[in-house]
Amino acid sequence: MQIDRDLILKLENLAKLELNEAERERLAADMGNILNMVEKLKELDTANVEPLVYISELENQLRADEIKGQVSNEDALSNAPVSNKPFFKVPKVI
């Protein structure tokens, strides 16, 4: 792919950017470097490499749920300014 002024102007328009000439030249050079890097990566032999699905082979270490320190309904509502047993009563929010 050829990185030229027309391509930079088209990308500038699509991205809704306003670049000056120096920025356009720097962008063209950067895009050229990126394409060169991709071409270099294409030279690698990946025939015997398995696709990577996860970076780590570790699995989630889950723990069993344990119920501790429950508060009774009466204790929970004891400091509520307004309640409608067994619920907290709050102002209507729309």
PDB file of N, CA and C in Angstrom:
ATOM      1  N   MET A   1       0.844  -1.177   0.000  1.00  0.00           N
ATOM      2  CA  MET A   1       0.000   0.000   0.000  1.00  0.00           C
ATOM      3  C   MET A   1       0.890   1.241   0.000  1.00  0.00           C
ATOM      4  N   GLN A   2       0.546   2.152  -0.836  1.00  0.00           N
ATOM      5  CA  GLN A   2       1.318   3.385  -0.980  1.00  0.00           C
ATOM      6  C   GLN A   2       0.724   4.477  -0.095  1.00  0.00           C
ATOM      7  N   ILE A   3       1.539   5.043   0.768  1.00  0.00           N
ATOM      8  CA  ILE A   3       1.115   6.156   1.624  1.00  0.00           C
ATOM      9  C   ILE A   3       1.492   7.443   0.893  1.00  0.00           C
ATOM     10  N   ASP A   4       0.501   8.111   0.326  1.00  0.00           N
ATOM     11  CA  ASP A   4       0.777   9.368  -0.380  1.00  0.00           C
ATOM     12  C   ASP A   4      -0.117  10.476   0.177  1.00  0.00           C
ATOM     13  N   ARG A   5       0.046  11.639  -0.371  1.00  0.00           N
ATOM     14  CA  ARG A   5      -0.687  12.816   0.109  1.00  0.00           C
ATOM     15  C   ARG A   5      -2.194  12.628  -0.018  1.00  0.00           C
ATOM     16  N   ASP A   6      -2.644  12.003  -1.120  1.00  0.00           N
ATOM     17  CA  ASP A   6      -4.080  11.806  -1.315  1.00  0.00           C
ATOM     18  C   ASP A   6      -4.673  10.922  -0.216  1.00  0.00           C
ATOM     19  N   LEU A   7      -3.969   9.857   0.146  1.00  0.00           N
ATOM     20  CA  LEU A   7      -4.442   8.977   1.212  1.00  0.00           C
ATOM     21  C   LEU A   7      -4.494   9.721   2.547  1.00  0.00           C
ATOM     22  N   ILE A   8      -3.477  10.491   2.838  1.00  0.00           N
ATOM     23  CA  ILE A   8      -3.446  11.265   4.090  1.00  0.00           C
ATOM     24  C   ILE A   8      -4.610  12.263   4.115  1.00  0.00           C
ATOM     25  N   LEU A   9      -4.870  12.937   3.008  1.00  0.00           N
ATOM     26  CA  LEU A   9      -5.979  13.897   2.956  1.00  0.00           C
ATOM     27  C   LEU A   9      -7.322  13.186   3.126  1.00  0.00           C
ATOM     28  N   LYS A  10      -7.462  12.004   2.522  1.00  0.00           N
ATOM     29  CA  LYS A  10      -8.700  11.246   2.674  1.00  0.00           C
ATOM     30  C   LYS A  10      -8.897  10.818   4.119  1.00  0.00           C
ATOM     31  N   LEU A  11      -7.830  10.301   4.752  1.00  0.00           N
ATOM     32  CA  LEU A  11      -7.923   9.901   6.157  1.00  0.00           C
ATOM     33  C   LEU A  11      -8.196  11.098   7.062  1.00  0.00           C
ATOM     34  N   GLU A  12      -7.581  12.206   6.742  1.00  0.00           N
ATOM     35  CA  GLU A  12      -7.806  13.439   7.516  1.00  0.00           C
ATOM     36  C   GLU A  12      -9.276  13.838   7.444  1.00  0.00           C
ATOM     37  N   ASN A  13      -9.863  13.729   6.265  1.00  0.00           N
ATOM     38  CA  ASN A  13     -11.277  14.067   6.095  1.00  0.00           C
ATOM     39  C   ASN A  13     -12.164  13.080   6.842  1.00  0.00           C
ATOM     40  N   LEU A  14     -11.886  11.784   6.719  1.00  0.00           N
ATOM     41  CA  LEU A  14     -12.698  10.770   7.394  1.00  0.00           C
ATOM     42  C   LEU A  14     -12.642  10.909   8.914  1.00  0.00           C
ATOM     43  N   ALA A  15     -11.473  11.265   9.428  1.00  0.00           N
ATOM     44  CA  ALA A  15     -11.303  11.400  10.879  1.00  0.00           C
ATOM     45  C   ALA A  15     -11.690  12.783  11.376  1.00  0.00           C
ATOM     46  N   LYS A  16     -12.119  13.641  10.458  1.00  0.00           N
ATOM     47  CA  LYS A  16     -12.513  15.021  10.813  1.00  0.00           C
ATOM     48  C   LYS A  16     -11.376  15.748  11.525  1.00  0.00           C
ATOM     49  N   LEU A  17     -10.173  15.624  10.961  1.00  0.00           N
ATOM     50  CA  LEU A  17      -8.991  16.287  11.503  1.00  0.00           C
ATOM     51  C   LEU A  17      -8.607  17.458  10.613  1.00  0.00           C
ATOM     52  N   GLU A  18      -7.909  18.389  11.195  1.00  0.00           N
ATOM     53  CA  GLU A  18      -7.336  19.497  10.440  1.00  0.00           C
ATOM     54  C   GLU A  18      -5.844  19.522  10.745  1.00  0.00           C
ATOM     55  N   LEU A  19      -5.046  18.970   9.841  1.00  0.00           N
ATOM     56  CA  LEU A  19      -3.615  18.872  10.043  1.00  0.00           C
ATOM     57  C   LEU A  19      -2.893  19.887   9.184  1.00  0.00           C
ATOM     58  N   ASN A  20      -1.762  20.366   9.680  1.00  0.00           N
ATOM     59  CA  ASN A  20      -0.924  21.216   8.839  1.00  0.00           C
ATOM     60  C   ASN A  20       0.029  20.322   8.047  1.00  0.00           C
ATOM     61  N   GLU A  21       0.808  20.906   7.174  1.00  0.00           N
ATOM     62  CA  GLU A  21       1.659  20.126   6.272  1.00  0.00           C
ATOM     63  C   GLU A  21       2.702  19.296   7.031  1.00  0.00           C
ATOM     64  N   ALA A  22       3.275  19.859   8.080  1.00  0.00           N
ATOM     65  CA  ALA A  22       4.282  19.130   8.863  1.00  0.00           C
ATOM     66  C   ALA A  22       3.660  17.904   9.534  1.00  0.00           C
ATOM     67  N   GLU A  23       2.440  18.063  10.051  1.00  0.00           N
ATOM     68  CA  GLU A  23       1.753  16.936  10.694  1.00  0.00           C
ATOM     69  C   GLU A  23       1.400  15.862   9.674  1.00  0.00           C
ATOM     70  N   ARG A  24       1.015  16.279   8.465  1.00  0.00           N
ATOM     71  CA  ARG A  24       0.711  15.308   7.409  1.00  0.00           C
ATOM     72  C   ARG A  24       1.946  14.497   7.046  1.00  0.00           C
ATOM     73  N   GLU A  25       3.082  15.159   6.937  1.00  0.00           N
ATOM     74  CA  GLU A  25       4.322  14.454   6.606  1.00  0.00           C
ATOM     75  C   GLU A  25       4.719  13.483   7.708  1.00  0.00           C
ATOM     76  N   ARG A  26       4.574  13.920   8.959  1.00  0.00           N
ATOM     77  CA  ARG A  26       4.909  13.051  10.091  1.00  0.00           C
ATOM     78  C   ARG A  26       3.959  11.853  10.140  1.00  0.00           C
ATOM     79  N   LEU A  27       2.663  12.084   9.851  1.00  0.00           N
ATOM     80  CA  LEU A  27       1.687  11.004   9.836  1.00  0.00           C
ATOM     81  C   LEU A  27       1.993  10.002   8.718  1.00  0.00           C
ATOM     82  N   ALA A  28       2.376  10.493   7.559  1.00  0.00           N
ATOM     83  CA  ALA A  28       2.726   9.605   6.448  1.00  0.00           C
ATOM     84  C   ALA A  28       3.944   8.762   6.804  1.00  0.00           C
ATOM     85  N   ALA A  29       4.926   9.367   7.454  1.00  0.00           N
ATOM     86  CA  ALA A  29       6.130   8.622   7.859  1.00  0.00           C
ATOM     87  C   ALA A  29       5.775   7.563   8.904  1.00  0.00           C
ATOM     88  N   ASP A  30       4.943   7.921   9.873  1.00  0.00           N
ATOM     89  CA  ASP A  30       4.541   6.966  10.911  1.00  0.00           C
ATOM     90  C   ASP A  30       3.749   5.802  10.313  1.00  0.00           C
ATOM     91  N   MET A  31       2.827   6.113   9.405  1.00  0.00           N
ATOM     92  CA  MET A  31       2.046   5.051   8.778  1.00  0.00           C
ATOM     93  C   MET A  31       2.935   4.148   7.932  1.00  0.00           C
ATOM     94  N   GLY A  32       3.921   4.725   7.267  1.00  0.00           N
ATOM     95  CA  GLY A  32       4.875   3.925   6.505  1.00  0.00           C
ATOM     96  C   GLY A  32       5.663   2.989   7.408  1.00  0.00           C
ATOM     97  N   ASN A  33       6.069   3.493   8.571  1.00  0.00           N
ATOM     98  CA  ASN A  33       6.791   2.652   9.534  1.00  0.00           C
ATOM     99  C   ASN A  33       5.918   1.501  10.043  1.00  0.00           C
ATOM    100  N   ILE A  34       4.643   1.780  10.274  1.00  0.00           N
ATOM    101  CA  ILE A  34       3.725   0.737  10.743  1.00  0.00           C
ATOM    102  C   ILE A  34       3.570  -0.336   9.667  1.00  0.00           C
ATOM    103  N   LEU A  35       3.385   0.087   8.428  1.00  0.00           N
ATOM    104  CA  LEU A  35       3.244  -0.892   7.346  1.00  0.00           C
ATOM    105  C   LEU A  35       4.517  -1.706   7.155  1.00  0.00           C
ATOM    106  N   ASN A  36       5.680  -1.079   7.305  1.00  0.00           N
ATOM    107  CA  ASN A  36       6.943  -1.821   7.220  1.00  0.00           C
ATOM    108  C   ASN A  36       7.053  -2.859   8.322  1.00  0.00           C
ATOM    109  N   MET A  37       6.591  -2.512   9.525  1.00  0.00           N
ATOM    110  CA  MET A  37       6.631  -3.453  10.637  1.00  0.00           C
ATOM    111  C   MET A  37       5.714  -4.649  10.360  1.00  0.00           C
ATOM    112  N   VAL A  38       4.536  -4.391   9.802  1.00  0.00           N
ATOM    113  CA  VAL A  38       3.611  -5.474   9.479  1.00  0.00           C
ATOM    114  C   VAL A  38       4.207  -6.369   8.408  1.00  0.00           C
ATOM    115  N   GLU A  39       4.839  -5.786   7.417  1.00  0.00           N
ATOM    116  CA  GLU A  39       5.490  -6.582   6.367  1.00  0.00           C
ATOM    117  C   GLU A  39       6.606  -7.447   6.969  1.00  0.00           C
ATOM    118  N   LYS A  40       7.334  -6.904   7.922  1.00  0.00           N
ATOM    119  CA  LYS A  40       8.399  -7.658   8.589  1.00  0.00           C
ATOM    120  C   LYS A  40       7.806  -8.840   9.359  1.00  0.00           C
ATOM    121  N   LEU A  41       6.647  -8.631   9.996  1.00  0.00           N
ATOM    122  CA  LEU A  41       6.004  -9.707  10.740  1.00  0.00           C
ATOM    123  C   LEU A  41       5.519 -10.818   9.814  1.00  0.00           C
ATOM    124  N   LYS A  42       5.169 -10.472   8.585  1.00  0.00           N
ATOM    125  CA  LYS A  42       4.707 -11.483   7.631  1.00  0.00           C
ATOM    126  C   LYS A  42       5.819 -12.456   7.254  1.00  0.00           C
ATOM    127  N   GLU A  43       7.065 -12.090   7.477  1.00  0.00           N
ATOM    128  CA  GLU A  43       8.196 -12.960   7.158  1.00  0.00           C
ATOM    129  C   GLU A  43       8.347 -14.115   8.149  1.00  0.00           C
ATOM    130  N   LEU A  44       7.739 -14.010   9.321  1.00  0.00           N
ATOM    131  CA  LEU A  44       7.869 -15.047  10.344  1.00  0.00           C
ATOM    132  C   LEU A  44       7.137 -16.318   9.937  1.00  0.00           C
ATOM    133  N   ASP A  45       7.747 -17.466  10.259  1.00  0.00           N
ATOM    134  CA  ASP A  45       7.120 -18.753  10.007  1.00  0.00           C
ATOM    135  C   ASP A  45       6.239 -19.106  11.196  1.00  0.00           C
ATOM    136  N   THR A  46       4.928 -19.079  10.976  1.00  0.00           N
ATOM    137  CA  THR A  46       3.981 -19.363  12.056  1.00  0.00           C
ATOM    138  C   THR A  46       3.205 -20.652  11.790  1.00  0.00           C
ATOM    139  N   ALA A  47       3.763 -21.525  10.961  1.00  0.00           N
ATOM    140  CA  ALA A  47       3.058 -22.754  10.572  1.00  0.00           C
ATOM    141  C   ALA A  47       2.790 -23.662  11.771  1.00  0.00           C
ATOM    142  N   ASN A  48       3.724 -23.783  12.702  1.00  0.00           N
ATOM    143  CA  ASN A  48       3.578 -24.703  13.831  1.00  0.00           C
ATOM    144  C   ASN A  48       3.230 -24.006  15.135  1.00  0.00           C
ATOM    145  N   VAL A  49       2.692 -22.805  15.052  1.00  0.00           N
ATOM    146  CA  VAL A  49       2.341 -22.048  16.251  1.00  0.00           C
ATOM    147  C   VAL A  49       0.835 -22.129  16.452  1.00  0.00           C
ATOM    148  N   GLU A  50       0.437 -22.562  17.641  1.00  0.00           N
ATOM    149  CA  GLU A  50      -0.990 -22.625  17.956  1.00  0.00           C
ATOM    150  C   GLU A  50      -1.520 -21.230  18.243  1.00  0.00           C
ATOM    151  N   PRO A  51      -2.753 -20.959  17.826  1.00  0.00           N
ATOM    152  CA  PRO A  51      -3.345 -19.649  18.119  1.00  0.00           C
ATOM    153  C   PRO A  51      -3.461 -19.437  19.627  1.00  0.00           C
ATOM    154  N   LEU A  52      -3.213 -18.217  20.074  1.00  0.00           N
ATOM    155  CA  LEU A  52      -3.279 -17.883  21.490  1.00  0.00           C
ATOM    156  C   LEU A  52      -4.691 -17.418  21.831  1.00  0.00           C
ATOM    157  N   VAL A  53      -5.314 -18.129  22.754  1.00  0.00           N
ATOM    158  CA  VAL A  53      -6.650 -17.752  23.180  1.00  0.00           C
ATOM    159  C   VAL A  53      -6.567 -16.938  24.470  1.00  0.00           C
ATOM    160  N   TYR A  54      -5.779 -17.422  25.418  1.00  0.00           N
ATOM    161  CA  TYR A  54      -5.591 -16.731  26.691  1.00  0.00           C
ATOM    162  C   TYR A  54      -4.101 -16.534  26.911  1.00  0.00           C
ATOM    163  N   ILE A  55      -3.744 -15.432  27.526  1.00  0.00           N
ATOM    164  CA  ILE A  55      -2.342 -15.151  27.790  1.00  0.00           C
ATOM    165  C   ILE A  55      -1.804 -16.079  28.871  1.00  0.00           C
ATOM    166  N   SER A  56      -2.619 -16.341  29.870  1.00  0.00           N
ATOM    167  CA  SER A  56      -2.203 -17.177  30.987  1.00  0.00           C
ATOM    168  C   SER A  56      -2.998 -18.475  30.971  1.00  0.00           C
ATOM    169  N   GLU A  57      -2.377 -19.568  31.389  1.00  0.00           N
ATOM    170  CA  GLU A  57      -3.077 -20.848  31.465  1.00  0.00           C
ATOM    171  C   GLU A  57      -3.757 -21.046  32.811  1.00  0.00           C
ATOM    172  N   LEU A  58      -3.680 -20.060  33.693  1.00  0.00           N
ATOM    173  CA  LEU A  58      -4.319 -20.162  34.999  1.00  0.00           C
ATOM    174  C   LEU A  58      -5.830 -20.076  34.852  1.00  0.00           C
ATOM    175  N   GLU A  59      -6.533 -20.775  35.700  1.00  0.00           N
ATOM    176  CA  GLU A  59      -7.978 -20.709  35.732  1.00  0.00           C
ATOM    177  C   GLU A  59      -8.403 -19.950  36.976  1.00  0.00           C
ATOM    178  N   ASN A  60      -9.625 -19.451  36.952  1.00  0.00           N
ATOM    179  CA  ASN A  60     -10.133 -18.725  38.107  1.00  0.00           C
ATOM    180  C   ASN A  60     -10.149 -19.617  39.341  1.00  0.00           C
ATOM    181  N   GLN A  61      -9.654 -19.094  40.426  1.00  0.00           N
ATOM    182  CA  GLN A  61      -9.684 -19.803  41.698  1.00  0.00           C
ATOM    183  C   GLN A  61     -10.896 -19.282  42.471  1.00  0.00           C
ATOM    184  N   LEU A  62     -11.996 -19.995  42.372  1.00  0.00           N
ATOM    185  CA  LEU A  62     -13.221 -19.558  43.021  1.00  0.00           C
ATOM    186  C   LEU A  62     -13.329 -20.164  44.412  1.00  0.00           C
ATOM    187  N   ARG A  63     -13.941 -19.443  45.301  1.00  0.00           N
ATOM    188  CA  ARG A  63     -14.147 -19.950  46.648  1.00  0.00           C
ATOM    189  C   ARG A  63     -15.642 -20.161  46.863  1.00  0.00           C
ATOM    190  N   ALA A  64     -15.957 -21.007  47.797  1.00  0.00           N
ATOM    191  CA  ALA A  64     -17.366 -21.253  48.108  1.00  0.00           C
ATOM    192  C   ALA A  64     -17.948 -20.042  48.833  1.00  0.00           C
ATOM    193  N   ASP A  65     -19.189 -19.723  48.534  1.00  0.00           N
ATOM    194  CA  ASP A  65     -19.862 -18.625  49.225  1.00  0.00           C
ATOM    195  C   ASP A  65     -20.179 -19.045  50.651  1.00  0.00           C
ATOM    196  N   GLU A  66     -19.880 -18.155  51.599  1.00  0.00           N
ATOM    197  CA  GLU A  66     -20.182 -18.407  52.994  1.00  0.00           C
ATOM    198  C   GLU A  66     -21.021 -17.255  53.522  1.00  0.00           C
ATOM    199  N   ILE A  67     -22.100 -17.582  54.180  1.00  0.00           N
ATOM    200  CA  ILE A  67     -22.971 -16.560  54.744  1.00  0.00           C
ATOM    201  C   ILE A  67     -22.492 -16.273  56.154  1.00  0.00           C
ATOM    202  N   LYS A  68     -22.114 -15.004  56.407  1.00  0.00           N
ATOM    203  CA  LYS A  68     -21.638 -14.610  57.732  1.00  0.00           C
ATOM    204  C   LYS A  68     -22.204 -13.242  58.090  1.00  0.00           C
ATOM    205  N   GLY A  69     -22.337 -12.990  59.344  1.00  0.00           N
ATOM    206  CA  GLY A  69     -22.668 -11.663  59.852  1.00  0.00           C
ATOM    207  C   GLY A  69     -23.954 -11.081  59.303  1.00  0.00           C
ATOM    208  N   GLN A  70     -25.005 -11.861  59.261  1.00  0.00           N
ATOM    209  CA  GLN A  70     -26.273 -11.341  58.788  1.00  0.00           C
ATOM    210  C   GLN A  70     -26.879 -10.392  59.802  1.00  0.00           C
ATOM    211  N   VAL A  71     -27.583  -9.404  59.288  1.00  0.00           N
ATOM    212  CA  VAL A  71     -28.268  -8.440  60.137  1.00  0.00           C
ATOM    213  C   VAL A  71     -29.762  -8.738  60.046  1.00  0.00           C
ATOM    214  N   SER A  72     -30.424  -8.748  61.176  1.00  0.00           N
ATOM    215  CA  SER A  72     -31.863  -9.021  61.155  1.00  0.00           C
ATOM    216  C   SER A  72     -32.599  -7.840  60.519  1.00  0.00           C
ATOM    217  N   ASN A  73     -33.807  -8.119  60.069  1.00  0.00           N
ATOM    218  CA  ASN A  73     -34.617  -7.085  59.438  1.00  0.00           C
ATOM    219  C   ASN A  73     -34.883  -5.929  60.402  1.00  0.00           C
ATOM    220  N   GLU A  74     -35.158  -6.239  61.646  1.00  0.00           N
ATOM    221  CA  GLU A  74     -35.441  -5.192  62.639  1.00  0.00           C
ATOM    222  C   GLU A  74     -34.211  -4.318  62.884  1.00  0.00           C
ATOM    223  N   ASP A  75     -33.026  -4.944  62.975  1.00  0.00           N
ATOM    224  CA  ASP A  75     -31.803  -4.171  63.187  1.00  0.00           C
ATOM    225  C   ASP A  75     -31.504  -3.279  61.984  1.00  0.00           C
ATOM    226  N   ALA A  76     -31.727  -3.785  60.788  1.00  0.00           N
ATOM    227  CA  ALA A  76     -31.456  -3.006  59.581  1.00  0.00           C
ATOM    228  C   ALA A  76     -32.376  -1.803  59.503  1.00  0.00           C
ATOM    229  N   LEU A  77     -33.621  -1.942  59.906  1.00  0.00           N
ATOM    230  CA  LEU A  77     -34.589  -0.848  59.816  1.00  0.00           C
ATOM    231  C   LEU A  77     -34.585   0.060  61.040  1.00  0.00           C
ATOM    232  N   SER A  78     -33.823  -0.285  62.075  1.00  0.00           N
ATOM    233  CA  SER A  78     -33.858   0.487  63.322  1.00  0.00           C
ATOM    234  C   SER A  78     -33.383   1.930  63.147  1.00  0.00           C
ATOM    235  N   ASN A  79     -32.481   2.206  62.232  1.00  0.00           N
ATOM    236  CA  ASN A  79     -31.984   3.567  62.021  1.00  0.00           C
ATOM    237  C   ASN A  79     -32.597   4.245  60.801  1.00  0.00           C
ATOM    238  N   ALA A  80     -33.535   3.593  60.139  1.00  0.00           N
ATOM    239  CA  ALA A  80     -34.164   4.186  58.959  1.00  0.00           C
ATOM    240  C   ALA A  80     -35.108   5.294  59.399  1.00  0.00           C
ATOM    241  N   PRO A  81     -35.062   6.468  58.747  1.00  0.00           N
ATOM    242  CA  PRO A  81     -35.970   7.549  59.141  1.00  0.00           C
ATOM    243  C   PRO A  81     -37.432   7.180  58.888  1.00  0.00           C
ATOM    244  N   VAL A  82     -37.706   6.485  57.784  1.00  0.00           N
ATOM    245  CA  VAL A  82     -39.066   6.053  57.477  1.00  0.00           C
ATOM    246  C   VAL A  82     -38.989   4.629  56.932  1.00  0.00           C
ATOM    247  N   SER A  83     -39.840   3.773  57.434  1.00  0.00           N
ATOM    248  CA  SER A  83     -39.859   2.410  56.922  1.00  0.00           C
ATOM    249  C   SER A  83     -41.286   1.926  56.841  1.00  0.00           C
ATOM    250  N   ASN A  84     -41.475   0.967  55.988  1.00  0.00           N
ATOM    251  CA  ASN A  84     -42.752   0.287  55.845  1.00  0.00           C
ATOM    252  C   ASN A  84     -42.423  -1.180  55.988  1.00  0.00           C
ATOM    253  N   LYS A  85     -42.540  -1.695  57.194  1.00  0.00           N
ATOM    254  CA  LYS A  85     -42.041  -3.028  57.513  1.00  0.00           C
ATOM    255  C   LYS A  85     -42.372  -3.992  56.396  1.00  0.00           C
ATOM    256  N   PRO A  86     -41.482  -4.758  55.900  1.00  0.00           N
ATOM    257  CA  PRO A  86     -40.061  -4.937  56.171  1.00  0.00           C
ATOM    258  C   PRO A  86     -39.172  -4.159  55.191  1.00  0.00           C
ATOM    259  N   PHE A  87     -39.600  -3.009  54.666  1.00  0.00           N
ATOM    260  CA  PHE A  87     -38.852  -2.288  53.638  1.00  0.00           C
ATOM    261  C   PHE A  87     -38.455  -0.896  54.100  1.00  0.00           C
ATOM    262  N   PHE A  88     -37.375  -0.355  53.495  1.00  0.00           N
ATOM    263  CA  PHE A  88     -37.037   1.052  53.656  1.00  0.00           C
ATOM    264  C   PHE A  88     -37.992   1.845  52.782  1.00  0.00           C
ATOM    265  N   LYS A  89     -38.429   3.003  53.261  1.00  0.00           N
ATOM    266  CA  LYS A  89     -39.288   3.853  52.461  1.00  0.00           C
ATOM    267  C   LYS A  89     -38.453   5.054  52.033  1.00  0.00           C
ATOM    268  N   VAL A  90     -38.408   5.287  50.706  1.00  0.00           N
ATOM    269  CA  VAL A  90     -37.584   6.371  50.149  1.00  0.00           C
ATOM    270  C   VAL A  90     -38.463   7.239  49.261  1.00  0.00           C
ATOM    271  N   PRO A  91     -38.012   8.470  48.982  1.00  0.00           N
ATOM    272  CA  PRO A  91     -38.789   9.329  48.098  1.00  0.00           C
ATOM    273  C   PRO A  91     -38.832   8.751  46.682  1.00  0.00           C
ATOM    274  N   LYS A  92     -39.913   9.014  45.995  1.00  0.00           N
ATOM    275  CA  LYS A  92     -40.074   8.538  44.622  1.00  0.00           C
ATOM    276  C   LYS A  92     -39.073   9.258  43.724  1.00  0.00           C
ATOM    277  N   VAL A  93     -38.401   8.484  42.885  1.00  0.00           N
ATOM    278  CA  VAL A  93     -37.411   9.040  41.962  1.00  0.00           C
ATOM    279  C   VAL A  93     -37.832   8.680  40.541  1.00  0.00           C
ATOM    280  N   ILE A  94     -37.936   9.683  39.707  1.00  0.00           N
ATOM    281  CA  ILE A  94     -38.316   9.435  38.316  1.00  0.00           C
ATOM    282  C   ILE A  94     -37.198   9.858  37.406  1.00  0.00           C
TER     283      ILE A  94
END
